[in-house]
Amino acid sequence: MVFFKIFFYLVSFLILWYCSGIIIRSVDRFAHRLKLSSFAVSFFVLGILTSVPEFSVGINSIINKTPDVFVGNLLGSSLVLFIFVIPLLAVFGGGVKMVH
């Protein structure tokens, strides 16, 4: 049973990895067609797409009268973003350059 769960987790991770590559390439092509920077398009498009799960959890928690789940989801996603994602991007992206 544990082996099946680990296998399912690894397969799901690989599928997610592959699909995220497809999304990134598609957003990049879309930006080039619009003759905009990839950053500008990805900032809005990927920002909206990655917020959809939080919105759906929020709507469902309000419908089910459990707003504490909504607050916990928002706080948890913010913590993960600021504690893990941004520092990892800074480390693997070569640091952050500050100009005074």
Protein backbone atom coordinates (compact mmCIF):
# COMPACT_ATOMS: atom_id res chain seq x y z
CA MET A 1 0.00 0.00 0.00
CA VAL A 2 2.78 2.46 0.88
CA PHE A 3 4.66 1.54 -2.31
CA PHE A 4 1.55 2.33 -4.37
CA LYS A 5 1.19 5.75 -2.71
CA ILE A 6 4.85 6.61 -3.30
CA PHE A 7 4.62 5.43 -6.91
CA PHE A 8 1.43 7.45 -7.46
CA TYR A 9 3.07 10.52 -5.92
CA LEU A 10 6.14 10.22 -8.17
CA VAL A 11 4.05 9.69 -11.32
CA SER A 12 1.85 12.67 -10.40
CA PHE A 13 4.94 14.81 -9.83
CA LEU A 14 6.37 13.87 -13.24
CA ILE A 15 3.07 14.63 -14.98
CA LEU A 16 2.87 17.99 -13.20
CA TRP A 17 6.49 18.77 -14.16
CA TYR A 18 5.82 17.94 -17.83
CA CYS A 19 2.57 19.92 -17.99
CA SER A 20 4.14 22.96 -16.34
CA GLY A 21 6.77 22.96 -19.08
CA ILE A 22 4.00 22.97 -21.67
CA ILE A 23 2.32 25.91 -19.95
CA ILE A 24 5.56 27.88 -19.75
CA ARG A 25 6.33 27.34 -23.44
CA SER A 26 2.75 28.28 -24.38
CA VAL A 27 2.83 31.51 -22.37
CA ASP A 28 6.20 32.38 -23.93
CA ARG A 29 4.86 31.83 -27.46
CA PHE A 30 1.74 33.82 -26.62
CA ALA A 31 3.89 36.73 -25.41
CA HIS A 32 5.96 36.68 -28.61
CA ARG A 33 2.81 36.72 -30.74
CA LEU A 34 1.54 39.75 -28.84
CA LYS A 35 5.01 41.32 -29.09
CA LEU A 36 5.14 41.80 -25.33
CA SER A 37 7.76 40.72 -22.85
CA SER A 38 7.43 37.21 -21.50
CA PHE A 39 7.61 38.60 -17.98
CA ALA A 40 4.60 40.88 -18.46
CA VAL A 41 2.39 38.18 -19.92
CA SER A 42 3.45 35.51 -17.45
CA PHE A 43 3.01 37.94 -14.56
CA PHE A 44 -0.68 38.30 -15.35
CA VAL A 45 -1.60 34.97 -16.96
CA LEU A 46 0.28 32.69 -14.58
CA GLY A 47 -0.68 34.87 -11.64
CA ILE A 48 -4.36 34.39 -12.44
CA LEU A 49 -4.01 30.68 -13.24
CA THR A 50 -2.17 29.88 -10.03
CA SER A 51 -4.78 31.75 -7.98
CA VAL A 52 -7.71 29.68 -9.27
CA PRO A 53 -7.27 26.88 -6.68
CA GLU A 54 -7.29 29.40 -3.82
CA PHE A 55 -10.44 31.00 -5.19
CA SER A 56 -12.19 27.64 -5.50
CA VAL A 57 -11.23 26.68 -1.94
CA GLY A 58 -12.46 30.07 -0.76
CA ILE A 59 -15.80 29.80 -2.53
CA ASN A 60 -16.36 26.24 -1.31
CA SER A 61 -15.41 27.11 2.26
CA ILE A 62 -17.82 30.06 2.27
CA ILE A 63 -20.61 27.89 0.84
CA ASN A 64 -19.90 25.21 3.48
CA LYS A 65 -19.76 27.91 6.20
CA THR A 66 -16.16 27.15 7.15
CA PRO A 67 -14.34 30.43 6.52
CA ASP A 68 -11.44 29.32 8.73
CA VAL A 69 -10.41 26.92 5.95
CA PHE A 70 -10.29 29.85 3.54
CA VAL A 71 -8.15 31.94 5.88
CA GLY A 72 -5.84 28.99 6.57
CA ASN A 73 -5.42 28.37 2.85
CA LEU A 74 -4.56 32.01 2.15
CA LEU A 75 -2.11 32.27 5.04
CA GLY A 76 -0.50 28.92 4.19
CA SER A 77 0.00 29.77 0.53
CA SER A 78 1.48 33.16 1.46
CA LEU A 79 3.90 31.55 3.90
CA VAL A 80 5.04 28.99 1.34
CA LEU A 81 5.54 31.73 -1.23
CA PHE A 82 7.62 34.00 1.00
CA ILE A 83 9.53 31.34 2.95
CA PHE A 84 10.28 28.78 0.22
CA VAL A 85 9.59 29.95 -3.33
CA ILE A 86 11.13 33.43 -3.35
CA PRO A 87 14.34 32.41 -1.50
CA LEU A 88 14.79 29.39 -3.79
CA LEU A 89 14.38 31.61 -6.85
CA ALA A 90 16.97 34.01 -5.45
CA VAL A 91 19.45 31.21 -4.71
CA PHE A 92 19.08 29.35 -8.00
CA GLY A 93 18.68 32.54 -10.04
CA GLY A 94 22.11 33.81 -9.08
CA GLY A 95 21.13 36.17 -6.29
CA VAL A 96 19.40 39.49 -6.13
CA LYS A 97 21.22 42.59 -7.38
CA MET A 98 20.50 45.75 -5.42
CA VAL A 99 21.32 49.15 -6.91
CA HIS A 100 21.47 52.18 -4.63
